[in-house]
Amino acid sequence: MNEDRASAIARYRREIVGRYRAAYQSYATKLCGDPSRAELAMRGAFAQAFKSLQACGSPDRFATWFFEILTQQCEGGAEGRSTRALHIDDLAHDLS
């Protein structure tokens, strides 16, 4: 992983994950019905949001945009579809 990518991931963790994790954790747990599944959905949602951050468009829109991604992650697992559990650390490979 190059230094720019590592720096971007560290900044994302600090500024985005740090800000939004607590706010959306209870929603994910209620929607998934299980704290373990909710954690996987949260990881997947944060990883997907990072990968497609430019699609968000505006920082003011991030919370709503992330909420939609998280809902999709939770519903995907709830419907029994195979959802690959992602973590921010996996992004080094996904972004190359």
C-alpha atoms as a PDB file:
ATOM      1  CA  MET A   1       0.000   0.000   0.000  1.00  0.00           C
ATOM      2  CA  ASN A   2       1.483   3.340  -0.922  1.00  0.00           C
ATOM      3  CA  GLU A   3       1.776   6.176   1.560  1.00  0.00           C
ATOM      4  CA  ASP A   4      -0.962   8.300  -0.060  1.00  0.00           C
ATOM      5  CA  ARG A   5      -3.463   5.454   0.161  1.00  0.00           C
ATOM      6  CA  ALA A   6      -2.475   4.648   3.750  1.00  0.00           C
ATOM      7  CA  SER A   7      -2.825   8.304   4.640  1.00  0.00           C
ATOM      8  CA  ALA A   8      -6.259   8.498   2.992  1.00  0.00           C
ATOM      9  CA  ILE A   9      -7.459   5.429   4.871  1.00  0.00           C
ATOM     10  CA  ALA A  10      -6.149   6.780   8.194  1.00  0.00           C
ATOM     11  CA  ARG A  11      -7.858  10.112   7.580  1.00  0.00           C
ATOM     12  CA  TYR A  12     -11.120   8.389   6.618  1.00  0.00           C
ATOM     13  CA  ARG A  13     -11.036   6.315   9.810  1.00  0.00           C
ATOM     14  CA  ARG A  14     -10.379   9.375  11.935  1.00  0.00           C
ATOM     15  CA  GLU A  15     -12.812  11.792  10.311  1.00  0.00           C
ATOM     16  CA  ILE A  16     -15.626   9.630   8.951  1.00  0.00           C
ATOM     17  CA  VAL A  17     -15.697   6.349  10.835  1.00  0.00           C
ATOM     18  CA  GLY A  18     -15.001   8.152  14.109  1.00  0.00           C
ATOM     19  CA  ARG A  19     -17.846  10.578  13.506  1.00  0.00           C
ATOM     20  CA  TYR A  20     -20.549   8.239  12.221  1.00  0.00           C
ATOM     21  CA  ARG A  21     -19.976   4.808  13.813  1.00  0.00           C
ATOM     22  CA  ALA A  22     -21.796   5.434  17.083  1.00  0.00           C
ATOM     23  CA  ALA A  23     -24.651   7.277  15.393  1.00  0.00           C
ATOM     24  CA  TYR A  24     -25.470   4.365  13.072  1.00  0.00           C
ATOM     25  CA  GLN A  25     -24.563   1.338  15.204  1.00  0.00           C
ATOM     26  CA  SER A  26     -27.942   1.067  16.950  1.00  0.00           C
ATOM     27  CA  TYR A  27     -29.793   1.500  13.647  1.00  0.00           C
ATOM     28  CA  ALA A  28     -27.746  -1.302  12.085  1.00  0.00           C
ATOM     29  CA  THR A  29     -28.347  -3.571  15.085  1.00  0.00           C
ATOM     30  CA  LYS A  30     -32.111  -3.000  14.916  1.00  0.00           C
ATOM     31  CA  LEU A  31     -32.255  -3.538  11.172  1.00  0.00           C
ATOM     32  CA  CYS A  32     -30.008  -6.619  11.144  1.00  0.00           C
ATOM     33  CA  GLY A  33     -31.518  -8.062  14.302  1.00  0.00           C
ATOM     34  CA  ASP A  34     -28.142  -9.226  15.573  1.00  0.00           C
ATOM     35  CA  PRO A  35     -25.115  -7.258  16.818  1.00  0.00           C
ATOM     36  CA  SER A  36     -22.652  -9.497  14.921  1.00  0.00           C
ATOM     37  CA  ARG A  37     -24.467  -9.055  11.625  1.00  0.00           C
ATOM     38  CA  ALA A  38     -24.779  -5.342  12.337  1.00  0.00           C
ATOM     39  CA  GLU A  39     -21.010  -5.084  12.817  1.00  0.00           C
ATOM     40  CA  LEU A  40     -20.400  -6.813   9.486  1.00  0.00           C
ATOM     41  CA  ALA A  41     -22.906  -4.490   7.816  1.00  0.00           C
ATOM     42  CA  MET A  42     -21.198  -1.446   9.356  1.00  0.00           C
ATOM     43  CA  ARG A  43     -17.776  -2.613   8.152  1.00  0.00           C
ATOM     44  CA  GLY A  44     -19.111  -3.286   4.690  1.00  0.00           C
ATOM     45  CA  ALA A  45     -20.890   0.069   4.539  1.00  0.00           C
ATOM     46  CA  PHE A  46     -17.818   2.039   5.623  1.00  0.00           C
ATOM     47  CA  ALA A  47     -15.633   0.166   3.148  1.00  0.00           C
ATOM     48  CA  GLN A  48     -18.113   0.685   0.309  1.00  0.00           C
ATOM     49  CA  ALA A  49     -18.501   4.368   1.187  1.00  0.00           C
ATOM     50  CA  PHE A  50     -14.728   4.809   1.077  1.00  0.00           C
ATOM     51  CA  LYS A  51     -14.447   3.084  -2.296  1.00  0.00           C
ATOM     52  CA  SER A  52     -17.157   5.273  -3.833  1.00  0.00           C
ATOM     53  CA  LEU A  53     -16.643   8.476  -1.854  1.00  0.00           C
ATOM     54  CA  GLN A  54     -16.566  10.626  -4.982  1.00  0.00           C
ATOM     55  CA  ALA A  55     -20.120   9.495  -5.795  1.00  0.00           C
ATOM     56  CA  CYS A  56     -21.348  11.230  -2.636  1.00  0.00           C
ATOM     57  CA  GLY A  57     -20.714  14.589  -4.229  1.00  0.00           C
ATOM     58  CA  SER A  58     -20.995  16.861  -1.213  1.00  0.00           C
ATOM     59  CA  PRO A  59     -19.797  16.478   2.382  1.00  0.00           C
ATOM     60  CA  ASP A  60     -23.168  17.858   3.502  1.00  0.00           C
ATOM     61  CA  ARG A  61     -24.832  14.858   1.889  1.00  0.00           C
ATOM     62  CA  PHE A  62     -22.595  12.180   3.434  1.00  0.00           C
ATOM     63  CA  ALA A  63     -24.853  11.211   6.361  1.00  0.00           C
ATOM     64  CA  THR A  64     -27.862  10.520   4.128  1.00  0.00           C
ATOM     65  CA  TRP A  65     -25.740   8.806   1.492  1.00  0.00           C
ATOM     66  CA  PHE A  66     -24.049   6.593   4.094  1.00  0.00           C
ATOM     67  CA  PHE A  67     -27.429   5.747   5.639  1.00  0.00           C
ATOM     68  CA  GLU A  68     -28.551   4.389   2.243  1.00  0.00           C
ATOM     69  CA  ILE A  69     -25.401   2.273   1.888  1.00  0.00           C
ATOM     70  CA  LEU A  70     -25.789   0.912   5.422  1.00  0.00           C
ATOM     71  CA  THR A  71     -29.435   0.071   4.823  1.00  0.00           C
ATOM     72  CA  GLN A  72     -28.473  -1.864   1.682  1.00  0.00           C
ATOM     73  CA  GLN A  73     -25.784  -3.751   3.598  1.00  0.00           C
ATOM     74  CA  CYS A  74     -28.226  -4.667   6.381  1.00  0.00           C
ATOM     75  CA  GLU A  75     -30.999  -5.687   4.003  1.00  0.00           C
ATOM     76  CA  GLY A  76     -28.590  -7.707   1.879  1.00  0.00           C
ATOM     77  CA  GLY A  77     -27.659  -9.789   4.872  1.00  0.00           C
ATOM     78  CA  ALA A  78     -31.261  -9.989   6.080  1.00  0.00           C
ATOM     79  CA  GLU A  79     -32.375 -11.409   2.714  1.00  0.00           C
ATOM     80  CA  GLY A  80     -29.781 -14.137   2.938  1.00  0.00           C
ATOM     81  CA  ARG A  81     -27.619 -12.896   0.095  1.00  0.00           C
ATOM     82  CA  SER A  82     -23.954 -13.528   0.478  1.00  0.00           C
ATOM     83  CA  THR A  83     -22.373 -10.304   1.685  1.00  0.00           C
ATOM     84  CA  ARG A  84     -18.592 -10.174   1.722  1.00  0.00           C
ATOM     85  CA  ALA A  85     -17.503  -8.718   5.017  1.00  0.00           C
ATOM     86  CA  LEU A  86     -15.197  -5.828   4.263  1.00  0.00           C
ATOM     87  CA  HIS A  87     -13.027  -3.838   6.549  1.00  0.00           C
ATOM     88  CA  ILE A  88     -11.249  -0.570   5.902  1.00  0.00           C
ATOM     89  CA  ASP A  89      -7.933  -2.473   5.909  1.00  0.00           C
ATOM     90  CA  ASP A  90      -9.163  -4.539   2.942  1.00  0.00           C
ATOM     91  CA  LEU A  91      -9.340  -1.413   0.824  1.00  0.00           C
ATOM     92  CA  ALA A  92      -5.662  -1.463  -0.018  1.00  0.00           C
ATOM     93  CA  HIS A  93      -6.354  -4.437  -2.254  1.00  0.00           C
ATOM     94  CA  ASP A  94      -9.748  -3.255  -3.516  1.00  0.00           C
ATOM     95  CA  LEU A  95      -8.455   0.141  -4.611  1.00  0.00           C
ATOM     96  CA  SER A  96      -5.490  -1.077  -6.639  1.00  0.00           C
END
